[in-house]
Amino acid sequence: LEQRGITYFWELSIRDMSLRRSRFLTALLEGESSDKVFNINDELKYFTPESRNKFLCVLDNAIDKKESFEIVVQLSSINYRDYWFQYSIHYDEGKMVGTVRDISDAKNAENRFLVLFEQAPYPMILIVDDCVYRMNKSALEYLRIEDESRLLHSHYSLLFPLKQKGEESSLKTIEDLDNKSY
């Protein structure tokens, strides 16, 4: 039963930590469909250790404050298939209710992109909202930058001289190039 990208129902009783989830989600995790009521630990055993700790921390905080939360976790099913799930859970009078969405395809595509980005032999800089978001190893070497963290979230103009050879502003040159690419 392979249903990637699907959204599943999820409900946790705060009183006894009993868990109800859709039959499809149960089949995905347990290998067989069932209406059985589980304990939260029955689900957490599939989480990676890091995801389990993060999820428990967020869940405890949400229960204490009676708040909603969203979290992305990594897990492996009983068949050792790796998944990425996005939990969107809301507090509702003594229980946490919400959905679990399989986002494995999107996370796997993101991870493939990041590997290609990091291994690219030419300098690459990701810019989001005019700020440096990430630089690959080739860019760090090319720009002779030892500590990328100093530039992250800074305006990209910090990477370029204020003036070009023709005394034109670097920002104007970048804007002109940017306008030509559309």
Protein backbone atom coordinates (compact mmCIF):
# COMPACT_ATOMS: atom_id res chain seq x y z
CA LEU A 1 0.00 0.00 0.00
CA GLU A 2 1.91 3.03 -1.27
CA GLN A 3 -0.05 6.28 -0.93
CA ARG A 4 2.51 9.06 -0.80
CA GLY A 5 1.28 12.64 -0.59
CA ILE A 6 -1.95 11.64 1.14
CA THR A 7 -3.30 13.35 4.26
CA TYR A 8 -4.40 11.12 7.16
CA PHE A 9 -6.56 11.63 10.28
CA TRP A 10 -4.87 11.57 13.72
CA GLU A 11 -6.32 11.95 17.27
CA LEU A 12 -4.60 11.66 20.66
CA SER A 13 -6.45 11.51 23.99
CA ILE A 14 -4.51 13.61 26.50
CA ARG A 15 -6.01 11.71 29.45
CA ASP A 16 -4.56 8.28 28.63
CA MET A 17 -2.35 9.03 25.58
CA SER A 18 -4.44 6.65 23.46
CA LEU A 19 -4.12 7.28 19.75
CA ARG A 20 -6.57 6.84 16.91
CA ARG A 21 -5.46 7.26 13.33
CA SER A 22 -6.78 6.53 9.88
CA ARG A 23 -6.67 2.93 8.67
CA PHE A 24 -4.41 4.00 5.79
CA LEU A 25 -1.85 5.57 8.12
CA THR A 26 -1.93 2.45 10.28
CA ALA A 27 -1.38 0.31 7.19
CA LEU A 28 1.52 2.51 6.13
CA LEU A 29 3.24 2.22 9.50
CA GLU A 30 2.19 -1.21 10.75
CA GLY A 31 1.93 -3.09 7.44
CA GLU A 32 -1.76 -3.87 7.93
CA SER A 33 -4.93 -1.81 8.11
CA SER A 34 -6.69 -1.69 11.49
CA ASP A 35 -9.18 0.33 13.55
CA LYS A 36 -7.23 -0.59 16.68
CA VAL A 37 -6.58 2.10 19.32
CA PHE A 38 -2.87 2.61 19.90
CA ASN A 39 -0.72 4.27 22.53
CA ILE A 40 1.40 7.25 21.44
CA ASN A 41 4.52 5.09 21.98
CA ASP A 42 3.26 2.69 19.28
CA GLU A 43 3.72 5.51 16.80
CA LEU A 44 6.86 7.04 18.25
CA LYS A 45 8.78 3.78 17.86
CA TYR A 46 8.89 4.46 14.10
CA PHE A 47 10.39 7.95 14.49
CA THR A 48 14.10 8.58 14.19
CA PRO A 49 15.56 9.39 17.64
CA GLU A 50 15.95 13.08 16.73
CA SER A 51 12.37 13.30 15.41
CA ARG A 52 11.01 11.45 18.45
CA ASN A 53 12.67 13.87 20.88
CA LYS A 54 11.57 16.91 18.88
CA PHE A 55 7.99 15.62 18.56
CA LEU A 56 7.66 14.82 22.28
CA CYS A 57 8.98 18.25 23.24
CA VAL A 58 6.57 20.03 20.88
CA LEU A 59 3.64 17.79 21.90
CA ASP A 60 4.25 18.32 25.64
CA ASN A 61 4.48 22.06 25.13
CA ALA A 62 1.28 22.12 23.04
CA ILE A 63 -0.61 20.08 25.66
CA ASP A 64 0.62 22.31 28.51
CA LYS A 65 -0.37 25.49 26.68
CA LYS A 66 -3.44 24.00 24.94
CA GLU A 67 -2.05 25.15 21.59
CA SER A 68 -1.82 23.86 18.06
CA PHE A 69 1.43 22.83 16.42
CA GLU A 70 2.98 21.76 13.14
CA ILE A 71 6.06 19.63 12.91
CA VAL A 72 7.91 17.62 10.26
CA VAL A 73 9.36 14.29 11.36
CA GLN A 74 11.32 11.48 9.75
CA LEU A 75 10.41 7.86 10.40
CA SER A 76 10.72 4.31 9.10
CA SER A 77 7.74 1.97 8.75
CA ILE A 78 7.63 -1.63 9.89
CA ASN A 79 8.82 -2.49 6.34
CA TYR A 80 11.84 -0.18 6.80
CA ARG A 81 10.56 2.37 4.29
CA ASP A 82 11.66 5.91 5.12
CA TYR A 83 8.99 8.61 5.28
CA TRP A 84 8.73 12.29 6.10
CA PHE A 85 5.43 13.26 7.77
CA GLN A 86 4.06 16.70 8.53
CA TYR A 87 1.83 16.69 11.61
CA SER A 88 -0.69 19.55 11.88
CA ILE A 89 -2.32 19.09 15.28
CA HIS A 90 -4.83 21.24 17.19
CA TYR A 91 -5.91 21.20 20.83
CA ASP A 92 -9.61 20.30 21.20
CA GLU A 93 -11.03 19.80 24.72
CA GLY A 94 -8.84 17.07 26.20
CA LYS A 95 -7.45 15.76 22.97
CA MET A 96 -5.08 16.68 20.18
CA VAL A 97 -6.72 16.33 16.77
CA GLY A 98 -5.36 16.88 13.32
CA THR A 99 -3.79 15.50 10.21
CA VAL A 100 -0.64 13.73 9.21
CA ARG A 101 0.56 14.38 5.68
CA ASP A 102 3.10 12.30 3.83
CA ILE A 103 5.60 14.81 2.39
CA SER A 104 8.26 12.23 1.55
CA ASP A 105 8.38 13.04 -2.16
CA ALA A 106 8.92 16.75 -1.51
CA LYS A 107 11.59 16.13 1.17
CA ASN A 108 13.40 13.60 -1.02
CA ALA A 109 13.41 16.08 -3.92
CA GLU A 110 14.73 18.79 -1.58
CA ASN A 111 17.48 16.48 -0.36
CA ARG A 112 18.48 15.57 -3.94
CA PHE A 113 18.66 19.29 -4.79
CA LEU A 114 20.82 20.02 -1.75
CA VAL A 115 23.25 17.22 -2.64
CA LEU A 116 23.56 18.53 -6.20
CA PHE A 117 23.89 22.09 -4.91
CA GLU A 118 26.63 21.18 -2.44
CA GLN A 119 28.57 19.04 -4.92
CA ALA A 120 28.39 21.49 -7.82
CA PRO A 121 31.89 22.27 -9.11
CA TYR A 122 31.00 25.92 -9.73
CA PRO A 123 30.07 28.60 -7.20
CA MET A 124 26.38 28.80 -6.33
CA ILE A 125 24.63 31.15 -3.92
CA LEU A 126 20.96 30.84 -2.97
CA ILE A 127 19.39 34.26 -2.44
CA VAL A 128 15.97 34.59 -0.83
CA ASP A 129 14.33 38.01 -0.44
CA ASP A 130 17.61 39.75 -1.38
CA CYS A 131 19.49 37.94 1.40
CA VAL A 132 22.09 35.18 1.28
CA TYR A 133 20.32 31.98 2.22
CA ARG A 134 23.02 29.42 1.46
CA MET A 135 26.33 29.04 -0.37
CA ASN A 136 27.89 25.88 -1.71
CA LYS A 137 31.48 24.83 -1.01
CA SER A 138 32.67 26.08 -4.41
CA ALA A 139 31.27 29.55 -3.70
CA LEU A 140 32.96 29.66 -0.31
CA GLU A 141 36.29 28.71 -1.90
CA TYR A 142 35.87 31.11 -4.83
CA LEU A 143 35.01 34.03 -2.55
CA ARG A 144 37.62 32.94 0.02
CA ILE A 145 35.05 32.81 2.80
CA GLU A 146 35.88 30.60 5.76
CA ASP A 147 32.75 31.12 7.85
CA GLU A 148 29.51 31.18 5.84
CA SER A 149 27.42 31.92 8.94
CA ARG A 150 28.68 35.53 9.04
CA LEU A 151 27.00 36.20 5.68
CA LEU A 152 23.79 34.21 6.07
CA HIS A 153 20.69 36.42 6.11
CA SER A 154 22.78 39.42 5.04
CA HIS A 155 22.01 41.42 1.92
CA TYR A 156 23.72 39.88 -1.09
CA SER A 157 25.40 43.19 -1.95
CA LEU A 158 27.98 42.41 0.77
CA LEU A 159 29.47 39.85 -1.62
CA PHE A 160 30.20 42.36 -4.36
CA PRO A 161 32.25 45.55 -4.66
CA LEU A 162 30.27 48.78 -4.40
CA LYS A 163 31.43 49.91 -7.84
CA GLN A 164 32.18 48.00 -11.02
CA LYS A 165 35.14 48.80 -13.29
CA GLY A 166 33.11 51.37 -15.20
CA GLU A 167 32.24 53.16 -11.93
CA GLU A 168 28.66 51.86 -12.20
CA SER A 169 27.03 50.69 -8.98
CA SER A 170 27.19 46.91 -8.49
CA LEU A 171 23.56 46.90 -7.32
CA LYS A 172 22.50 48.67 -10.53
CA THR A 173 24.48 46.14 -12.60
CA ILE A 174 22.82 43.24 -10.76
CA GLU A 175 19.36 44.81 -11.19
CA ASP A 176 20.01 45.31 -14.92
CA LEU A 177 21.09 41.67 -15.28
CA ASP A 178 18.11 40.57 -13.23
CA ASN A 179 15.70 42.54 -15.46
CA LYS A 180 17.24 41.01 -18.61
CA SER A 181 16.69 37.49 -17.32
CA TYR A 182 12.90 37.92 -17.23
